[in-house]
C-alpha cells in the first residue's frame, strides 16, 4: 500500500512540475520592433509591452491584444461623385493608418480599420 502512495506522490509532483514549467515558459513574451502587446491583469488593462523581452505573471496576467505600429494601407471602396459641372467621376483611394495609442486601439473601438474606411 505504501508503494502505491509513493508512486502516486511521485506522479503527482512530476505532472505538477511539468505543468508549472509549461506555464512559466508560456509567460515569457518577446515583442519584436514595431509591435506592441496590451496586457490585462484579472481582465482589466494593466500595461502595454513594447519591443524587448517581458515576463507575465502566470495565471494573473494575459496578453489580450497584439498591434503592429507600422503604417498599414487600407483600400477605400470606389465611390461615384458628381462634380460642380454635373460630370460623374469615380473616386478610389488608399487610406494609410498607424496605431499611435495601443490602449485606444484596443478598447476605444472594435475594428479601427473598418471605422477609418467608412
N, C-alpha and C. Protein backbone atom coordinates (compact mmCIF):
# COMPACT_ATOMS: atom_id res chain seq x y z
N UNK A 1 0.82 -1.20 0.00
CA UNK A 1 0.00 0.00 0.00
C UNK A 1 0.86 1.27 0.00
N UNK A 2 1.99 1.17 0.71
CA UNK A 2 2.86 2.34 0.81
C UNK A 2 3.54 2.64 -0.53
N UNK A 3 3.84 1.63 -1.32
CA UNK A 3 4.45 1.87 -2.63
C UNK A 3 3.47 2.57 -3.58
N UNK A 4 2.18 2.25 -3.42
CA UNK A 4 1.17 2.93 -4.23
C UNK A 4 1.12 4.41 -3.90
N UNK A 5 1.17 4.74 -2.62
CA UNK A 5 1.14 6.15 -2.22
C UNK A 5 2.40 6.87 -2.70
N UNK A 6 3.55 6.21 -2.59
CA UNK A 6 4.79 6.81 -3.04
C UNK A 6 4.76 7.04 -4.55
N UNK A 7 4.27 6.07 -5.30
CA UNK A 7 4.16 6.21 -6.75
C UNK A 7 3.20 7.33 -7.11
N UNK A 8 2.07 7.40 -6.40
CA UNK A 8 1.09 8.46 -6.65
C UNK A 8 1.69 9.84 -6.39
N UNK A 9 2.43 9.96 -5.31
CA UNK A 9 3.05 11.25 -4.96
C UNK A 9 4.08 11.63 -6.01
N UNK A 10 4.88 10.69 -6.46
CA UNK A 10 5.89 10.97 -7.49
C UNK A 10 5.24 11.40 -8.80
N UNK A 11 4.19 10.69 -9.20
CA UNK A 11 3.48 11.05 -10.43
C UNK A 11 2.83 12.42 -10.30
N UNK A 12 2.21 12.69 -9.15
CA UNK A 12 1.56 13.98 -8.93
C UNK A 12 2.56 15.12 -9.03
N UNK A 13 3.70 15.05 -8.34
CA UNK A 13 4.67 16.13 -8.35
C UNK A 13 5.36 16.26 -9.71
N UNK A 14 5.53 15.16 -10.42
CA UNK A 14 6.09 15.23 -11.76
C UNK A 14 5.15 15.97 -12.70
N UNK A 15 3.87 15.62 -12.66
CA UNK A 15 2.89 16.31 -13.51
C UNK A 15 2.76 17.78 -13.12
N UNK A 16 2.78 18.07 -11.83
CA UNK A 16 2.72 19.45 -11.36
C UNK A 16 3.93 20.24 -11.84
N UNK A 17 5.12 19.63 -11.78
CA UNK A 17 6.34 20.29 -12.25
C UNK A 17 6.31 20.56 -13.74
N UNK A 18 5.81 19.59 -14.51
CA UNK A 18 5.70 19.78 -15.96
C UNK A 18 4.71 20.90 -16.27
N UNK A 19 3.57 20.92 -15.59
CA UNK A 19 2.56 21.96 -15.81
C UNK A 19 3.10 23.33 -15.43
N UNK A 20 3.79 23.43 -14.29
CA UNK A 20 4.33 24.71 -13.84
C UNK A 20 5.40 25.21 -14.81
N UNK A 21 6.25 24.31 -15.29
CA UNK A 21 7.28 24.68 -16.25
C UNK A 21 6.65 25.17 -17.56
N UNK A 22 5.60 24.50 -18.00
CA UNK A 22 4.89 24.92 -19.21
C UNK A 22 4.29 26.32 -19.04
N UNK A 23 3.63 26.58 -17.91
CA UNK A 23 3.03 27.89 -17.67
C UNK A 23 4.11 28.98 -17.57
N UNK A 24 5.24 28.65 -16.97
CA UNK A 24 6.33 29.61 -16.88
C UNK A 24 6.90 29.91 -18.27
N UNK A 25 7.03 28.89 -19.10
CA UNK A 25 7.51 29.08 -20.46
C UNK A 25 6.54 29.93 -21.27
N UNK A 26 5.24 29.72 -21.10
CA UNK A 26 4.22 30.48 -21.84
C UNK A 26 4.10 31.92 -21.34
N UNK A 27 4.67 32.23 -20.18
CA UNK A 27 4.57 33.59 -19.66
C UNK A 27 5.67 34.50 -20.18
N UNK A 28 6.65 33.96 -20.87
CA UNK A 28 7.73 34.77 -21.45
C UNK A 28 7.26 35.30 -22.80
N UNK A 29 7.34 36.60 -22.98
CA UNK A 29 6.92 37.23 -24.23
C UNK A 29 8.09 38.00 -24.83
N UNK A 30 8.36 37.75 -26.09
CA UNK A 30 9.36 38.51 -26.84
C UNK A 30 8.59 39.36 -27.85
N UNK A 31 8.65 40.66 -27.68
CA UNK A 31 7.95 41.59 -28.55
C UNK A 31 8.96 42.16 -29.54
N UNK A 32 8.67 42.00 -30.81
CA UNK A 32 9.59 42.49 -31.83
C UNK A 32 9.43 44.00 -32.02
N UNK A 33 10.38 44.57 -32.75
CA UNK A 33 10.34 46.01 -33.03
C UNK A 33 9.10 46.32 -33.87
N UNK A 34 8.53 47.47 -33.67
CA UNK A 34 7.32 47.94 -34.37
C UNK A 34 6.08 47.13 -34.01
N UNK A 35 6.08 46.43 -32.89
CA UNK A 35 4.91 45.72 -32.39
C UNK A 35 4.70 46.11 -30.94
N UNK A 36 3.50 45.86 -30.45
CA UNK A 36 3.23 46.06 -29.03
C UNK A 36 2.13 45.09 -28.61
N UNK A 37 2.09 44.81 -27.32
CA UNK A 37 1.11 43.89 -26.76
C UNK A 37 0.44 44.60 -25.59
N UNK A 38 -0.89 44.53 -25.55
CA UNK A 38 -1.66 45.09 -24.43
C UNK A 38 -1.90 43.96 -23.44
N UNK A 39 -1.53 44.19 -22.17
CA UNK A 39 -1.62 43.18 -21.13
C UNK A 39 -2.77 43.53 -20.18
N UNK A 40 -3.56 42.51 -19.84
CA UNK A 40 -4.64 42.66 -18.86
C UNK A 40 -4.30 41.86 -17.63
N UNK A 41 -4.58 42.45 -16.47
CA UNK A 41 -4.41 41.76 -15.20
C UNK A 41 -5.79 41.58 -14.59
N UNK A 42 -6.20 40.33 -14.42
CA UNK A 42 -7.53 39.97 -13.94
C UNK A 42 -8.63 40.60 -14.80
N UNK A 43 -8.41 40.68 -16.11
CA UNK A 43 -9.39 41.19 -17.04
C UNK A 43 -9.44 42.69 -17.19
N UNK A 44 -8.56 43.41 -16.52
CA UNK A 44 -8.53 44.88 -16.60
C UNK A 44 -7.18 45.31 -17.17
N UNK A 45 -7.17 46.41 -17.94
CA UNK A 45 -5.93 46.90 -18.55
C UNK A 45 -4.87 47.10 -17.48
N UNK A 46 -3.67 46.60 -17.77
CA UNK A 46 -2.56 46.73 -16.84
C UNK A 46 -1.43 47.57 -17.43
N UNK A 47 -0.95 47.15 -18.62
CA UNK A 47 0.19 47.86 -19.21
C UNK A 47 0.31 47.50 -20.68
N UNK A 48 1.19 48.21 -21.36
CA UNK A 48 1.50 47.96 -22.77
C UNK A 48 2.96 47.57 -22.87
N UNK A 49 3.21 46.45 -23.53
CA UNK A 49 4.58 45.97 -23.71
C UNK A 49 5.09 46.42 -25.08
N UNK A 50 6.25 47.03 -25.09
CA UNK A 50 6.90 47.44 -26.34
C UNK A 50 8.07 46.49 -26.61
N UNK A 51 8.88 46.78 -27.60
CA UNK A 51 9.93 45.87 -28.06
C UNK A 51 10.84 45.42 -26.91
N UNK A 52 11.11 44.11 -26.88
CA UNK A 52 12.01 43.56 -25.88
C UNK A 52 11.49 42.27 -25.28
N UNK A 53 12.18 41.80 -24.25
CA UNK A 53 11.83 40.57 -23.54
C UNK A 53 11.03 40.93 -22.29
N UNK A 54 9.87 40.30 -22.11
CA UNK A 54 9.00 40.60 -20.98
C UNK A 54 8.52 39.31 -20.33
N UNK A 55 8.20 39.39 -19.04
CA UNK A 55 7.69 38.25 -18.30
C UNK A 55 6.32 38.61 -17.74
N UNK A 56 5.33 37.78 -18.01
CA UNK A 56 3.99 37.96 -17.47
C UNK A 56 3.81 37.04 -16.28
N UNK A 57 3.01 37.47 -15.30
CA UNK A 57 2.72 36.62 -14.17
C UNK A 57 1.75 35.53 -14.61
N UNK A 58 2.15 34.25 -14.46
CA UNK A 58 1.23 33.16 -14.86
C UNK A 58 -0.04 33.20 -14.01
N UNK A 59 -1.17 32.90 -14.63
CA UNK A 59 -2.49 32.84 -14.01
C UNK A 59 -3.06 34.21 -13.66
N UNK A 60 -2.24 35.27 -13.67
CA UNK A 60 -2.71 36.60 -13.27
C UNK A 60 -2.84 37.51 -14.47
N UNK A 61 -1.80 37.55 -15.31
CA UNK A 61 -1.78 38.44 -16.47
C UNK A 61 -1.91 37.63 -17.76
N UNK A 62 -2.52 38.27 -18.77
CA UNK A 62 -2.57 37.65 -20.09
C UNK A 62 -2.44 38.73 -21.15
N UNK A 63 -1.86 38.34 -22.28
CA UNK A 63 -1.73 39.29 -23.38
C UNK A 63 -3.03 39.25 -24.18
N UNK A 64 -3.69 40.38 -24.22
CA UNK A 64 -5.03 40.43 -24.81
C UNK A 64 -5.02 40.87 -26.26
N UNK A 65 -4.25 41.88 -26.58
CA UNK A 65 -4.27 42.44 -27.94
C UNK A 65 -2.85 42.59 -28.46
N UNK A 66 -2.66 42.25 -29.72
CA UNK A 66 -1.39 42.44 -30.40
C UNK A 66 -1.60 43.48 -31.50
N UNK A 67 -0.77 44.51 -31.51
CA UNK A 67 -0.88 45.57 -32.51
C UNK A 67 0.47 45.76 -33.19
N UNK A 68 0.40 46.09 -34.47
CA UNK A 68 1.60 46.49 -35.18
C UNK A 68 1.62 48.01 -35.24
N UNK A 69 2.79 48.58 -35.01
CA UNK A 69 2.93 50.03 -35.01
C UNK A 69 3.39 50.55 -36.37
N UNK A 70 3.44 49.64 -37.34
CA UNK A 70 3.82 50.03 -38.69
C UNK A 70 2.64 50.72 -39.39
N UNK A 71 2.95 51.44 -40.43
CA UNK A 71 1.91 52.07 -41.23
C UNK A 71 1.20 50.99 -42.05
N UNK A 72 -0.14 51.00 -42.03
CA UNK A 72 -0.94 50.00 -42.73
C UNK A 72 -1.75 50.68 -43.82
N UNK A 73 -1.77 50.07 -44.99
CA UNK A 73 -2.54 50.60 -46.11
C UNK A 73 -3.88 49.87 -46.18
N UNK A 74 -4.98 50.63 -46.21
CA UNK A 74 -6.32 50.08 -46.31
C UNK A 74 -6.97 50.63 -47.57
N UNK A 75 -7.55 49.75 -48.34
CA UNK A 75 -8.21 50.17 -49.58
C UNK A 75 -9.59 50.74 -49.27
N UNK A 76 -9.88 51.89 -49.84
CA UNK A 76 -11.20 52.52 -49.69
C UNK A 76 -12.02 52.14 -50.92
N UNK A 77 -13.25 51.66 -50.74
CA UNK A 77 -14.04 51.26 -51.91
C UNK A 77 -14.34 52.46 -52.82
N UNK A 78 -14.41 52.21 -54.12
CA UNK A 78 -14.66 53.32 -55.06
C UNK A 78 -16.05 53.93 -54.87
N UNK A 79 -16.12 55.23 -55.04
CA UNK A 79 -17.37 55.97 -54.90
C UNK A 79 -17.57 56.86 -56.12
N UNK A 80 -18.82 56.99 -56.53
CA UNK A 80 -19.15 57.87 -57.65
C UNK A 80 -19.55 59.23 -57.10
N UNK A 81 -18.93 60.26 -57.63
CA UNK A 81 -19.21 61.63 -57.19
C UNK A 81 -19.64 62.46 -58.41
N UNK A 82 -20.45 63.48 -58.14
CA UNK A 82 -20.87 64.40 -59.19
C UNK A 82 -20.17 65.73 -58.95
N UNK A 83 -19.47 66.19 -59.94
CA UNK A 83 -18.73 67.45 -59.81
C UNK A 83 -19.68 68.65 -59.98
N UNK A 84 -19.12 69.84 -59.85
CA UNK A 84 -19.91 71.06 -59.95
C UNK A 84 -20.51 71.24 -61.34
N UNK A 85 -19.83 70.73 -62.37
CA UNK A 85 -20.36 70.87 -63.74
C UNK A 85 -21.10 69.60 -64.19
N UNK A 86 -21.69 68.85 -63.24
CA UNK A 86 -22.52 67.66 -63.47
C UNK A 86 -21.82 66.55 -64.27
N UNK A 87 -20.58 66.28 -63.94
CA UNK A 87 -19.85 65.18 -64.54
C UNK A 87 -19.65 64.12 -63.45
N UNK A 88 -19.96 62.87 -63.79
CA UNK A 88 -19.77 61.79 -62.83
C UNK A 88 -18.31 61.35 -62.85
N UNK A 89 -17.73 61.30 -61.66
CA UNK A 89 -16.34 60.90 -61.51
C UNK A 89 -16.29 59.78 -60.46
N UNK A 90 -15.57 58.72 -60.77
CA UNK A 90 -15.41 57.64 -59.80
C UNK A 90 -14.09 57.83 -59.05
N UNK A 91 -14.19 57.87 -57.73
CA UNK A 91 -13.04 58.12 -56.87
C UNK A 91 -12.64 56.82 -56.19
N UNK A 92 -11.37 56.55 -56.17
CA UNK A 92 -10.83 55.39 -55.49
C UNK A 92 -9.67 55.88 -54.64
N UNK A 93 -9.45 55.26 -53.48
CA UNK A 93 -8.39 55.77 -52.63
C UNK A 93 -7.76 54.70 -51.77
N UNK A 94 -6.67 55.07 -51.18
CA UNK A 94 -5.97 54.23 -50.22
C UNK A 94 -5.79 55.06 -48.95
N UNK A 95 -6.10 54.44 -47.84
CA UNK A 95 -6.01 55.10 -46.55
C UNK A 95 -4.84 54.50 -45.79
N UNK A 96 -3.95 55.33 -45.30
CA UNK A 96 -2.80 54.86 -44.53
C UNK A 96 -3.09 55.08 -43.05
N UNK A 97 -2.98 53.99 -42.27
CA UNK A 97 -3.26 54.04 -40.83
C UNK A 97 -2.00 53.70 -40.05
N UNK A 98 -1.91 54.28 -38.87
CA UNK A 98 -0.81 53.94 -37.96
C UNK A 98 -1.34 54.03 -36.54
N UNK A 99 -1.11 52.98 -35.76
CA UNK A 99 -1.56 52.96 -34.36
C UNK A 99 -0.58 53.79 -33.54
N UNK A 100 -1.09 54.84 -32.92
CA UNK A 100 -0.26 55.69 -32.06
C UNK A 100 -0.46 55.36 -30.59
N UNK A 101 -1.69 54.98 -30.22
CA UNK A 101 -2.01 54.64 -28.84
C UNK A 101 -2.64 53.24 -28.80
N UNK A 102 -1.89 52.21 -28.41
CA UNK A 102 -2.43 50.85 -28.41
C UNK A 102 -3.63 50.67 -27.47
N UNK A 103 -3.66 51.43 -26.38
CA UNK A 103 -4.79 51.34 -25.45
C UNK A 103 -6.09 51.75 -26.13
N UNK A 104 -6.07 52.89 -26.84
CA UNK A 104 -7.27 53.36 -27.53
C UNK A 104 -7.63 52.46 -28.69
N UNK A 105 -6.63 51.89 -29.38
CA UNK A 105 -6.91 50.97 -30.48
C UNK A 105 -7.53 49.68 -29.98
N UNK A 106 -7.24 49.29 -28.75
CA UNK A 106 -7.78 48.06 -28.19
C UNK A 106 -9.17 48.25 -27.58
N UNK A 107 -9.35 49.31 -26.81
CA UNK A 107 -10.57 49.47 -26.04
C UNK A 107 -11.49 50.57 -26.57
N UNK A 108 -11.01 51.40 -27.48
CA UNK A 108 -11.82 52.51 -27.96
C UNK A 108 -12.86 52.10 -28.99
N UNK A 109 -12.55 51.14 -29.84
CA UNK A 109 -13.44 50.77 -30.93
C UNK A 109 -13.15 49.31 -31.28
N UNK A 110 -14.14 48.61 -31.82
CA UNK A 110 -13.95 47.19 -32.14
C UNK A 110 -12.99 46.97 -33.30
N UNK A 111 -13.22 47.67 -34.41
CA UNK A 111 -12.40 47.48 -35.61
C UNK A 111 -12.02 48.85 -36.15
N UNK A 112 -10.87 49.34 -35.77
CA UNK A 112 -10.47 50.70 -36.15
C UNK A 112 -10.18 50.80 -37.64
N UNK A 113 -9.76 49.71 -38.28
CA UNK A 113 -9.51 49.77 -39.73
C UNK A 113 -10.81 49.94 -40.50
N UNK A 114 -11.86 49.24 -40.09
CA UNK A 114 -13.16 49.37 -40.75
C UNK A 114 -13.74 50.76 -40.49
N UNK A 115 -13.62 51.24 -39.26
CA UNK A 115 -14.17 52.55 -38.92
C UNK A 115 -13.47 53.68 -39.69
N UNK A 116 -12.18 53.55 -39.92
CA UNK A 116 -11.46 54.59 -40.64
C UNK A 116 -11.83 54.63 -42.11
N UNK A 117 -12.20 53.49 -42.67
CA UNK A 117 -12.54 53.46 -44.10
C UNK A 117 -13.97 53.90 -44.37
N UNK A 118 -14.78 54.11 -43.35
CA UNK A 118 -16.18 54.49 -43.56
C UNK A 118 -16.32 55.98 -43.74
